[in-house]
């Protein structure tokens, strides 16, 4: 597919109404860690969470589409207000088509972030296909954009900001945040640390 120049990239991002994310390697760094009881531990980046919050504020919907199942993911998505969490979908294209039908959207209105072969069928369809620098090399051939940040280290936030900038609302939210945080502090802000 090849990477796009900034103007084309912004035009694609401007029409996005839904951001769908893979989990392992996108919302996390891709490592799977188990505690002594065999329970899976996942680590999520706080900046990604705030980016998702800002997308929701702009009216952009979010969803998660993962081949694996995780209680930690369910908890994190609940915290972030991601209500469409599709776990255990190794045939991701079927899950994706279900989301299109549910939201009444066209491929061109959807961005998808994925990093491995299971993601290619969806990346091939969406209007804005994104991956991370350490994705499986073949995946990059199906993407419009490769983030600077790695999965689990702010890649989702980077894409959220790109979409918000393309929609001309990033600077509005930033100014509101600065004015509000100077007046009220950070106490009521989601994901504030």
N, C-alpha and C. Protein backbone atom coordinates (compact mmCIF):
# COMPACT_ATOMS: atom_id res chain seq x y z
N UNK A 1 0.83 -1.19 0.00
CA UNK A 1 0.00 0.00 0.00
C UNK A 1 0.87 1.25 0.00
N UNK A 2 1.87 1.27 0.86
CA UNK A 2 2.78 2.41 0.88
C UNK A 2 2.32 3.55 1.78
N UNK A 3 3.30 4.21 2.38
CA UNK A 3 3.00 5.33 3.27
C UNK A 3 2.54 6.53 2.45
N UNK A 4 1.70 7.35 3.05
CA UNK A 4 1.10 8.48 2.36
C UNK A 4 1.76 9.79 2.78
N UNK A 5 1.72 10.78 1.89
CA UNK A 5 2.22 12.08 2.29
C UNK A 5 1.22 12.71 3.27
N UNK A 6 1.65 13.74 3.96
CA UNK A 6 0.87 14.33 5.05
C UNK A 6 -0.52 14.80 4.63
N UNK A 7 -0.66 15.41 3.49
CA UNK A 7 -1.96 15.91 3.04
C UNK A 7 -2.95 14.77 2.81
N UNK A 8 -2.51 13.72 2.14
CA UNK A 8 -3.38 12.57 1.88
C UNK A 8 -3.71 11.86 3.19
N UNK A 9 -2.72 11.74 4.06
CA UNK A 9 -2.91 11.12 5.37
C UNK A 9 -4.00 11.85 6.16
N UNK A 10 -3.94 13.17 6.18
CA UNK A 10 -4.93 13.96 6.90
C UNK A 10 -6.31 13.84 6.26
N UNK A 11 -6.38 13.77 4.94
CA UNK A 11 -7.69 13.59 4.28
C UNK A 11 -8.31 12.26 4.67
N UNK A 12 -7.50 11.20 4.74
CA UNK A 12 -8.02 9.89 5.15
C UNK A 12 -8.48 9.95 6.61
N UNK A 13 -7.68 10.55 7.46
CA UNK A 13 -7.99 10.61 8.89
C UNK A 13 -9.20 11.49 9.19
N UNK A 14 -9.43 12.50 8.37
CA UNK A 14 -10.54 13.43 8.60
C UNK A 14 -11.90 12.74 8.58
N UNK A 15 -12.08 11.74 7.74
CA UNK A 15 -13.37 11.07 7.61
C UNK A 15 -13.58 9.91 8.56
N UNK A 16 -12.67 9.70 9.50
CA UNK A 16 -12.77 8.54 10.39
C UNK A 16 -13.85 8.77 11.45
N UNK A 17 -14.74 7.79 11.56
CA UNK A 17 -15.81 7.80 12.56
C UNK A 17 -15.65 6.69 13.59
N UNK A 18 -14.75 5.73 13.30
CA UNK A 18 -14.54 4.59 14.20
C UNK A 18 -13.07 4.19 14.14
N UNK A 19 -12.44 4.08 15.32
CA UNK A 19 -11.09 3.54 15.43
C UNK A 19 -11.20 2.17 16.07
N UNK A 20 -10.75 1.15 15.32
CA UNK A 20 -10.74 -0.23 15.83
C UNK A 20 -9.30 -0.60 16.10
N UNK A 21 -9.06 -1.20 17.26
CA UNK A 21 -7.69 -1.52 17.67
C UNK A 21 -7.54 -2.99 17.99
N UNK A 22 -6.45 -3.57 17.50
CA UNK A 22 -5.96 -4.85 17.98
C UNK A 22 -5.42 -4.58 19.39
N UNK A 23 -5.14 -5.64 20.14
CA UNK A 23 -4.67 -5.43 21.51
C UNK A 23 -3.17 -5.69 21.64
N UNK A 24 -2.78 -6.97 21.54
CA UNK A 24 -1.38 -7.33 21.75
C UNK A 24 -0.51 -6.73 20.65
N UNK A 25 0.39 -5.86 21.04
CA UNK A 25 1.27 -5.19 20.09
C UNK A 25 0.77 -3.81 19.67
N UNK A 26 -0.46 -3.46 20.04
CA UNK A 26 -1.02 -2.14 19.73
C UNK A 26 -1.36 -1.41 21.03
N UNK A 27 -2.32 -1.92 21.78
CA UNK A 27 -2.63 -1.35 23.10
C UNK A 27 -1.63 -1.80 24.16
N UNK A 28 -0.93 -2.89 23.89
CA UNK A 28 0.14 -3.36 24.78
C UNK A 28 1.41 -3.48 23.96
N UNK A 29 2.51 -3.80 24.64
CA UNK A 29 3.78 -3.95 23.91
C UNK A 29 3.91 -5.32 23.26
N UNK A 30 2.90 -6.15 23.39
CA UNK A 30 2.90 -7.45 22.74
C UNK A 30 3.41 -8.59 23.61
N UNK A 31 4.01 -8.26 24.74
CA UNK A 31 4.49 -9.32 25.62
C UNK A 31 3.33 -9.89 26.43
N UNK A 32 3.36 -11.17 26.67
CA UNK A 32 2.36 -11.82 27.52
C UNK A 32 3.08 -12.29 28.77
N UNK A 33 2.63 -11.78 29.92
CA UNK A 33 3.25 -12.08 31.20
C UNK A 33 2.21 -12.79 32.07
N UNK A 34 2.65 -13.83 32.77
CA UNK A 34 1.77 -14.56 33.68
C UNK A 34 2.31 -14.44 35.10
N UNK A 35 1.39 -14.29 36.06
CA UNK A 35 1.81 -14.28 37.46
C UNK A 35 1.96 -15.72 37.94
N UNK A 36 2.29 -15.91 39.22
CA UNK A 36 2.56 -17.25 39.76
C UNK A 36 1.32 -18.15 39.77
N UNK A 37 0.12 -17.55 39.65
CA UNK A 37 -1.12 -18.33 39.59
C UNK A 37 -1.52 -18.64 38.15
N UNK A 38 -0.73 -18.18 37.20
CA UNK A 38 -1.05 -18.41 35.79
C UNK A 38 -2.00 -17.38 35.22
N UNK A 39 -2.26 -16.29 35.96
CA UNK A 39 -3.12 -15.22 35.47
C UNK A 39 -2.33 -14.29 34.57
N UNK A 40 -2.94 -13.92 33.45
CA UNK A 40 -2.27 -13.03 32.51
C UNK A 40 -2.24 -11.61 33.04
N UNK A 41 -1.11 -10.95 32.87
CA UNK A 41 -0.94 -9.56 33.25
C UNK A 41 -0.68 -8.77 31.97
N UNK A 42 -1.42 -7.68 31.79
CA UNK A 42 -1.20 -6.82 30.64
C UNK A 42 -0.92 -5.40 31.11
N UNK A 43 -0.11 -4.71 30.36
CA UNK A 43 0.26 -3.34 30.70
C UNK A 43 -0.23 -2.41 29.59
N UNK A 44 -0.96 -1.37 29.98
CA UNK A 44 -1.52 -0.41 29.04
C UNK A 44 -0.92 0.97 29.33
N UNK A 45 -0.77 1.77 28.30
CA UNK A 45 -0.16 3.09 28.47
C UNK A 45 -1.23 4.14 28.76
N UNK A 46 -1.00 4.94 29.77
CA UNK A 46 -1.96 5.95 30.20
C UNK A 46 -2.22 6.99 29.10
N UNK A 47 -1.21 7.33 28.32
CA UNK A 47 -1.42 8.32 27.25
C UNK A 47 -2.36 7.81 26.17
N UNK A 48 -2.30 6.51 25.89
CA UNK A 48 -3.26 5.93 24.94
C UNK A 48 -4.68 6.12 25.46
N UNK A 49 -4.86 5.91 26.75
CA UNK A 49 -6.18 6.07 27.35
C UNK A 49 -6.71 7.49 27.22
N UNK A 50 -5.86 8.47 27.42
CA UNK A 50 -6.32 9.85 27.29
C UNK A 50 -6.64 10.19 25.83
N UNK A 51 -5.86 9.64 24.91
CA UNK A 51 -6.16 9.83 23.49
C UNK A 51 -7.52 9.27 23.12
N UNK A 52 -7.84 8.09 23.64
CA UNK A 52 -9.16 7.48 23.41
C UNK A 52 -10.25 8.34 23.99
N UNK A 53 -10.02 8.87 25.19
CA UNK A 53 -10.99 9.79 25.81
C UNK A 53 -11.25 10.99 24.90
N UNK A 54 -10.20 11.56 24.32
CA UNK A 54 -10.37 12.71 23.44
C UNK A 54 -11.13 12.35 22.17
N UNK A 55 -10.87 11.17 21.62
CA UNK A 55 -11.63 10.73 20.45
C UNK A 55 -13.11 10.65 20.77
N UNK A 56 -13.43 10.05 21.92
CA UNK A 56 -14.84 9.96 22.33
C UNK A 56 -15.45 11.36 22.45
N UNK A 57 -14.69 12.28 23.01
CA UNK A 57 -15.17 13.65 23.15
C UNK A 57 -15.47 14.29 21.79
N UNK A 58 -14.72 13.87 20.77
CA UNK A 58 -14.92 14.39 19.41
C UNK A 58 -16.01 13.62 18.66
N UNK A 59 -16.61 12.62 19.31
CA UNK A 59 -17.67 11.85 18.67
C UNK A 59 -17.18 10.68 17.84
N UNK A 60 -15.89 10.38 17.91
CA UNK A 60 -15.34 9.22 17.20
C UNK A 60 -15.50 7.99 18.10
N UNK A 61 -16.07 6.95 17.55
CA UNK A 61 -16.28 5.71 18.29
C UNK A 61 -15.00 4.89 18.30
N UNK A 62 -14.88 4.02 19.29
CA UNK A 62 -13.73 3.12 19.37
C UNK A 62 -14.22 1.71 19.64
N UNK A 63 -13.42 0.74 19.20
CA UNK A 63 -13.72 -0.67 19.44
C UNK A 63 -12.41 -1.43 19.49
N UNK A 64 -12.46 -2.58 20.13
CA UNK A 64 -11.30 -3.47 20.22
C UNK A 64 -11.66 -4.78 19.55
N UNK A 65 -10.72 -5.31 18.78
CA UNK A 65 -10.91 -6.57 18.07
C UNK A 65 -9.66 -7.41 18.28
N UNK A 66 -9.80 -8.46 19.09
CA UNK A 66 -8.64 -9.26 19.49
C UNK A 66 -8.89 -10.74 19.28
N UNK A 67 -7.86 -11.45 18.87
CA UNK A 67 -7.95 -12.90 18.72
C UNK A 67 -7.89 -13.59 20.08
N UNK A 68 -7.29 -12.94 21.05
CA UNK A 68 -7.15 -13.52 22.39
C UNK A 68 -8.21 -12.97 23.33
N UNK A 69 -8.35 -13.60 24.48
CA UNK A 69 -9.29 -13.15 25.51
C UNK A 69 -8.49 -12.80 26.76
N UNK A 70 -8.92 -11.72 27.44
CA UNK A 70 -8.21 -11.26 28.62
C UNK A 70 -9.15 -10.50 29.54
N UNK A 71 -9.15 -10.88 30.81
CA UNK A 71 -9.94 -10.13 31.80
C UNK A 71 -9.37 -8.73 32.00
N UNK A 72 -8.04 -8.62 31.94
CA UNK A 72 -7.41 -7.30 32.10
C UNK A 72 -7.87 -6.35 31.01
N UNK A 73 -8.02 -6.85 29.79
CA UNK A 73 -8.49 -6.02 28.69
C UNK A 73 -9.92 -5.55 28.94
N UNK A 74 -10.76 -6.45 29.42
CA UNK A 74 -12.15 -6.07 29.70
C UNK A 74 -12.21 -4.95 30.73
N UNK A 75 -11.39 -5.05 31.77
CA UNK A 75 -11.34 -4.03 32.81
C UNK A 75 -10.87 -2.70 32.22
N UNK A 76 -9.79 -2.75 31.44
CA UNK A 76 -9.23 -1.51 30.87
C UNK A 76 -10.22 -0.85 29.92
N UNK A 77 -10.87 -1.63 29.08
CA UNK A 77 -11.84 -1.07 28.14
C UNK A 77 -13.02 -0.45 28.87
N UNK A 78 -13.44 -1.07 29.95
CA UNK A 78 -14.51 -0.51 30.77
C UNK A 78 -14.10 0.84 31.34
N UNK A 79 -12.86 0.93 31.84
CA UNK A 79 -12.34 2.20 32.35
C UNK A 79 -12.36 3.29 31.29
N UNK A 80 -12.07 2.91 30.06
CA UNK A 80 -11.94 3.89 28.97
C UNK A 80 -13.25 4.17 28.25
N UNK A 81 -14.30 3.45 28.60
CA UNK A 81 -15.59 3.66 27.93
C UNK A 81 -15.65 3.05 26.54
N UNK A 82 -14.80 2.05 26.29
CA UNK A 82 -14.87 1.32 25.02
C UNK A 82 -15.89 0.21 25.22
N UNK A 83 -17.05 0.37 24.63
CA UNK A 83 -18.15 -0.56 24.88
C UNK A 83 -18.19 -1.74 23.91
N UNK A 84 -17.49 -1.63 22.81
CA UNK A 84 -17.49 -2.71 21.82
C UNK A 84 -16.13 -3.41 21.86
N UNK A 85 -16.08 -4.46 22.68
CA UNK A 85 -14.86 -5.21 22.91
C UNK A 85 -15.10 -6.62 22.39
N UNK A 86 -14.47 -6.94 21.29
CA UNK A 86 -14.64 -8.23 20.65
C UNK A 86 -13.39 -9.07 20.89
N UNK A 87 -13.50 -10.03 21.81
CA UNK A 87 -12.37 -10.88 22.15
C UNK A 87 -12.61 -12.29 21.59
N UNK A 88 -11.53 -13.00 21.32
CA UNK A 88 -11.62 -14.36 20.81
C UNK A 88 -12.02 -14.43 19.35
N UNK A 89 -11.70 -13.40 18.57
CA UNK A 89 -12.04 -13.34 17.15
C UNK A 89 -10.79 -13.56 16.30
N UNK A 90 -10.42 -14.80 16.07
CA UNK A 90 -9.25 -15.06 15.23
C UNK A 90 -9.55 -14.76 13.76
N UNK A 91 -10.82 -14.80 13.39
CA UNK A 91 -11.23 -14.37 12.04
C UNK A 91 -11.70 -12.93 12.16
N UNK A 92 -10.74 -12.04 12.14
CA UNK A 92 -11.02 -10.65 12.45
C UNK A 92 -11.92 -9.97 11.43
N UNK A 93 -11.88 -10.41 10.20
CA UNK A 93 -12.71 -9.78 9.17
C UNK A 93 -14.19 -9.93 9.50
N UNK A 94 -14.59 -11.06 10.06
CA UNK A 94 -15.99 -11.25 10.45
C UNK A 94 -16.37 -10.28 11.57
N UNK A 95 -15.49 -10.12 12.55
CA UNK A 95 -15.75 -9.17 13.62
C UNK A 95 -15.83 -7.75 13.11
N UNK A 96 -14.93 -7.42 12.19
CA UNK A 96 -14.92 -6.09 11.59
C UNK A 96 -16.22 -5.82 10.83
N UNK A 97 -16.66 -6.79 10.04
CA UNK A 97 -17.90 -6.60 9.29
C UNK A 97 -19.10 -6.45 10.22
N UNK A 98 -19.06 -7.11 11.37
CA UNK A 98 -20.10 -6.92 12.38
C UNK A 98 -20.11 -5.49 12.91
N UNK A 99 -18.93 -4.91 13.11
CA UNK A 99 -18.85 -3.52 13.57
C UNK A 99 -19.37 -2.56 12.51
N UNK A 100 -19.03 -2.80 11.24
CA UNK A 100 -19.55 -1.95 10.17
C UNK A 100 -21.07 -1.95 10.17
N UNK A 101 -21.63 -3.14 10.29
CA UNK A 101 -23.09 -3.27 10.29
C UNK A 101 -23.71 -2.59 11.51
N UNK A 102 -23.12 -2.82 12.67
CA UNK A 102 -23.62 -2.24 13.92
C UNK A 102 -23.66 -0.72 13.86
N UNK A 103 -22.59 -0.11 13.35
CA UNK A 103 -22.49 1.34 13.34
C UNK A 103 -23.00 1.97 12.04
N UNK A 104 -23.31 1.14 11.04
CA UNK A 104 -23.78 1.67 9.76
C UNK A 104 -22.72 2.48 9.04
N UNK A 105 -21.48 2.00 9.07
CA UNK A 105 -20.36 2.73 8.47
C UNK A 105 -19.85 2.04 7.22
N UNK A 106 -19.11 2.80 6.42
CA UNK A 106 -18.41 2.26 5.25
C UNK A 106 -16.94 2.10 5.62
N UNK A 107 -16.24 1.27 4.84
CA UNK A 107 -14.81 1.05 5.09
C UNK A 107 -14.04 2.36 5.21
N UNK A 108 -14.36 3.33 4.37
CA UNK A 108 -13.62 4.59 4.34
C UNK A 108 -13.74 5.39 5.63
N UNK A 109 -14.71 5.05 6.48
CA UNK A 109 -14.93 5.77 7.73
C UNK A 109 -14.27 5.10 8.93
N UNK A 110 -13.49 4.05 8.66
CA UNK A 110 -12.90 3.27 9.75
C UNK A 110 -11.38 3.28 9.66
N UNK A 111 -10.75 3.47 10.82
CA UNK A 111 -9.31 3.30 10.97
C UNK A 111 -9.09 2.02 11.76
N UNK A 112 -8.06 1.28 11.39
CA UNK A 112 -7.73 0.06 12.12
C UNK A 112 -6.25 0.05 12.41
N UNK A 113 -5.91 -0.34 13.65
CA UNK A 113 -4.52 -0.48 14.06
C UNK A 113 -4.25 -1.95 14.35
N UNK A 114 -3.31 -2.54 13.63
CA UNK A 114 -2.94 -3.93 13.84
C UNK A 114 -1.48 -4.14 13.53
N UNK A 115 -0.92 -5.26 14.00
CA UNK A 115 0.53 -5.46 13.85
C UNK A 115 0.96 -6.84 13.38
N UNK A 116 0.02 -7.73 13.07
CA UNK A 116 0.44 -9.07 12.68
C UNK A 116 -0.44 -9.62 11.57
N UNK A 117 -0.13 -10.80 11.10
CA UNK A 117 -0.80 -11.37 9.94
C UNK A 117 -2.31 -11.45 10.09
N UNK A 118 -2.80 -11.75 11.30
CA UNK A 118 -4.25 -11.85 11.52
C UNK A 118 -4.96 -10.53 11.21
N UNK A 119 -4.23 -9.44 11.24
CA UNK A 119 -4.81 -8.12 11.02
C UNK A 119 -4.89 -7.72 9.54
N UNK A 120 -4.16 -8.40 8.70
CA UNK A 120 -4.07 -8.00 7.29
C UNK A 120 -5.42 -7.94 6.58
N UNK A 121 -6.33 -8.91 6.76
CA UNK A 121 -7.62 -8.80 6.07
C UNK A 121 -8.39 -7.52 6.40
N UNK A 122 -8.30 -7.07 7.65
CA UNK A 122 -8.99 -5.84 8.05
C UNK A 122 -8.20 -4.62 7.55
N UNK A 123 -6.89 -4.63 7.72
CA UNK A 123 -6.06 -3.52 7.24
C UNK A 123 -6.27 -3.28 5.75
N UNK A 124 -6.52 -4.35 5.01
CA UNK A 124 -6.71 -4.25 3.55
C UNK A 124 -8.02 -3.57 3.18
N UNK A 125 -8.96 -3.53 4.11
CA UNK A 125 -10.30 -3.01 3.82
C UNK A 125 -10.53 -1.58 4.27
N UNK A 126 -9.95 -1.20 5.39
CA UNK A 126 -10.32 0.06 6.03
C UNK A 126 -9.81 1.28 5.27
N UNK A 127 -10.42 2.42 5.58
CA UNK A 127 -10.02 3.67 4.96
C UNK A 127 -8.69 4.19 5.44
N UNK A 128 -8.31 3.81 6.67
CA UNK A 128 -7.06 4.30 7.24
C UNK A 128 -6.43 3.15 8.03
N UNK A 129 -5.42 2.50 7.42
CA UNK A 129 -4.75 1.34 8.00
C UNK A 129 -3.44 1.79 8.65
N UNK A 130 -3.27 1.41 9.93
CA UNK A 130 -2.11 1.88 10.70
C UNK A 130 -1.46 0.71 11.39
N UNK A 131 -0.13 0.74 11.46
CA UNK A 131 0.60 -0.24 12.25
C UNK A 131 1.70 0.47 13.04
N UNK A 132 2.47 -0.33 13.76
CA UNK A 132 3.54 0.19 14.63
C UNK A 132 4.90 -0.22 14.06
N UNK A 133 5.98 0.45 14.50
CA UNK A 133 7.30 0.21 13.91
C UNK A 133 7.78 -1.24 13.98
N UNK A 134 7.44 -1.95 15.07
CA UNK A 134 7.93 -3.32 15.22
C UNK A 134 6.93 -4.37 14.76
N UNK A 135 5.97 -3.98 13.94
CA UNK A 135 4.99 -4.93 13.39
C UNK A 135 5.71 -5.95 12.51
N UNK A 136 5.05 -7.08 12.29
CA UNK A 136 5.57 -8.04 11.32
C UNK A 136 5.78 -7.30 10.00
N UNK A 137 6.93 -7.49 9.39
CA UNK A 137 7.31 -6.67 8.23
C UNK A 137 6.28 -6.72 7.11
N UNK A 138 5.62 -7.84 6.88
CA UNK A 138 4.64 -7.94 5.81
C UNK A 138 3.43 -7.04 6.07
N UNK A 139 3.11 -6.80 7.32
CA UNK A 139 1.95 -5.99 7.68
C UNK A 139 2.10 -4.56 7.17
N UNK A 140 3.30 -4.05 7.21
CA UNK A 140 3.55 -2.66 6.79
C UNK A 140 3.16 -2.43 5.33
N UNK A 141 3.22 -3.49 4.52
CA UNK A 141 2.84 -3.38 3.11
C UNK A 141 1.35 -3.10 2.93
N UNK A 142 0.56 -3.32 3.95
CA UNK A 142 -0.90 -3.14 3.88
C UNK A 142 -1.37 -1.89 4.62
N UNK A 143 -0.43 -1.05 5.02
CA UNK A 143 -0.78 0.10 5.86
C UNK A 143 -0.49 1.43 5.18
N UNK A 144 -1.33 2.41 5.52
CA UNK A 144 -1.14 3.78 5.05
C UNK A 144 -0.12 4.53 5.91
N UNK A 145 0.02 4.10 7.16
CA UNK A 145 0.83 4.86 8.12
C UNK A 145 1.46 3.92 9.13
N UNK A 146 2.71 4.21 9.48
CA UNK A 146 3.41 3.52 10.55
C UNK A 146 3.71 4.56 11.62
N UNK A 147 3.29 4.30 12.84
CA UNK A 147 3.50 5.26 13.92
C UNK A 147 4.98 5.38 14.27
N UNK A 148 5.31 6.45 14.94
CA UNK A 148 6.66 6.62 15.47
C UNK A 148 6.77 5.82 16.77
N UNK A 149 5.74 5.90 17.60
CA UNK A 149 5.72 5.20 18.88
C UNK A 149 5.42 3.72 18.69
N UNK A 150 5.93 2.92 19.59
CA UNK A 150 5.67 1.48 19.58
C UNK A 150 4.32 1.17 20.21
N UNK A 151 3.83 -0.02 19.94
CA UNK A 151 2.61 -0.48 20.60
C UNK A 151 2.81 -0.55 22.10
N UNK A 152 1.80 -0.12 22.86
CA UNK A 152 1.91 -0.10 24.31
C UNK A 152 2.75 1.04 24.83
N UNK A 153 3.23 1.91 23.94
CA UNK A 153 4.11 3.02 24.34
C UNK A 153 3.66 4.34 23.71
N UNK A 154 2.35 4.46 23.46
CA UNK A 154 1.82 5.72 22.96
C UNK A 154 1.42 5.72 21.49
N UNK A 155 1.47 4.58 20.82
CA UNK A 155 1.10 4.52 19.40
C UNK A 155 -0.37 4.89 19.19
N UNK A 156 -1.24 4.40 20.06
CA UNK A 156 -2.67 4.72 19.94
C UNK A 156 -2.88 6.21 20.14
N UNK A 157 -2.24 6.80 21.11
CA UNK A 157 -2.36 8.25 21.35
C UNK A 157 -1.94 9.03 20.11
N UNK A 158 -0.86 8.59 19.48
CA UNK A 158 -0.36 9.25 18.28
C UNK A 158 -1.43 9.25 17.18
N UNK A 159 -2.10 8.12 16.99
CA UNK A 159 -3.14 8.02 15.97
C UNK A 159 -4.36 8.84 16.37
N UNK A 160 -4.72 8.81 17.64
CA UNK A 160 -5.85 9.63 18.11
C UNK A 160 -5.60 11.10 17.82
N UNK A 161 -4.40 11.58 18.12
CA UNK A 161 -4.07 12.99 17.87
C UNK A 161 -4.08 13.30 16.38
N UNK A 162 -3.60 12.38 15.56
CA UNK A 162 -3.60 12.60 14.12
C UNK A 162 -5.05 12.75 13.62
N UNK A 163 -5.94 11.89 14.09
CA UNK A 163 -7.36 11.98 13.69
C UNK A 163 -7.95 13.30 14.16
N UNK A 164 -7.67 13.67 15.41
CA UNK A 164 -8.21 14.91 15.95
C UNK A 164 -7.69 16.14 15.20
N UNK A 165 -6.42 16.11 14.84
CA UNK A 165 -5.86 17.23 14.07
C UNK A 165 -6.49 17.29 12.69
N UNK A 166 -6.70 16.15 12.06
CA UNK A 166 -7.32 16.12 10.73
C UNK A 166 -8.75 16.65 10.78
N UNK A 167 -9.42 16.44 11.91
CA UNK A 167 -10.80 16.92 12.08
C UNK A 167 -10.86 18.35 12.62
N UNK A 168 -9.71 18.97 12.76
CA UNK A 168 -9.60 20.36 13.24
C UNK A 168 -10.18 20.56 14.64
N UNK A 169 -10.04 19.56 15.49
CA UNK A 169 -10.52 19.78 16.87
C UNK A 169 -9.43 19.55 17.92
N UNK A 170 -8.25 19.11 17.51
CA UNK A 170 -7.19 18.89 18.47
C UNK A 170 -6.84 20.17 19.21
N UNK A 171 -6.64 21.26 18.47
CA UNK A 171 -6.24 22.52 19.11
C UNK A 171 -7.34 23.05 20.03
N UNK A 172 -8.61 22.81 19.70
CA UNK A 172 -9.73 23.23 20.56
C UNK A 172 -9.65 22.49 21.89
N UNK A 173 -9.48 21.16 21.82
CA UNK A 173 -9.38 20.36 23.05
C UNK A 173 -8.15 20.74 23.86
N UNK A 174 -7.04 20.98 23.17
CA UNK A 174 -5.82 21.34 23.87
C UNK A 174 -6.00 22.66 24.60
N UNK A 175 -6.57 23.65 23.91
CA UNK A 175 -6.79 24.95 24.56
C UNK A 175 -7.76 24.84 25.72
N UNK A 176 -8.84 24.06 25.55
CA UNK A 176 -9.78 23.84 26.66
C UNK A 176 -9.08 23.20 27.84
N UNK A 177 -8.24 22.22 27.56
CA UNK A 177 -7.53 21.52 28.62
C UNK A 177 -6.60 22.46 29.36
N UNK A 178 -5.82 23.24 28.61
CA UNK A 178 -4.87 24.16 29.24
C UNK A 178 -5.61 25.19 30.09
N UNK A 179 -6.66 25.78 29.53
CA UNK A 179 -7.42 26.78 30.28
C UNK A 179 -8.08 26.14 31.50
N UNK A 180 -8.69 24.98 31.32
CA UNK A 180 -9.37 24.31 32.43
C UNK A 180 -8.42 23.80 33.48
N UNK A 181 -7.28 23.26 33.06
CA UNK A 181 -6.34 22.71 34.03
C UNK A 181 -5.65 23.81 34.82
N UNK A 182 -5.47 24.97 34.20
CA UNK A 182 -4.87 26.08 34.92
C UNK A 182 -5.84 26.61 35.97
N UNK A 183 -7.14 26.57 35.64
CA UNK A 183 -8.15 27.08 36.57
C UNK A 183 -8.51 26.07 37.65
N UNK A 184 -8.62 24.76 37.27
CA UNK A 184 -9.15 23.76 38.19
C UNK A 184 -8.13 22.73 38.66
N UNK A 185 -6.98 22.65 38.06
CA UNK A 185 -6.05 21.58 38.38
C UNK A 185 -6.42 20.32 37.61
N UNK A 186 -5.77 19.22 37.95
CA UNK A 186 -5.95 17.97 37.19
C UNK A 186 -6.88 16.99 37.86
N UNK A 187 -7.51 17.31 38.93
CA UNK A 187 -8.25 16.32 39.73
C UNK A 187 -9.35 15.59 38.97
N UNK A 188 -10.08 16.26 38.09
CA UNK A 188 -11.22 15.62 37.43
C UNK A 188 -10.93 15.13 36.02
N UNK A 189 -9.68 15.10 35.64
CA UNK A 189 -9.33 14.71 34.27
C UNK A 189 -9.10 13.21 34.21
N UNK A 190 -9.70 12.52 33.21
CA UNK A 190 -9.44 11.10 33.08
C UNK A 190 -7.98 10.87 32.70
N UNK A 191 -7.41 9.83 33.25
CA UNK A 191 -6.05 9.43 32.93
C UNK A 191 -5.00 10.45 33.37
N UNK A 192 -5.38 11.43 34.18
CA UNK A 192 -4.38 12.40 34.65
C UNK A 192 -3.46 11.71 35.65
N UNK A 193 -2.17 12.03 35.56
CA UNK A 193 -1.26 11.43 36.52
C UNK A 193 -0.49 12.50 37.26
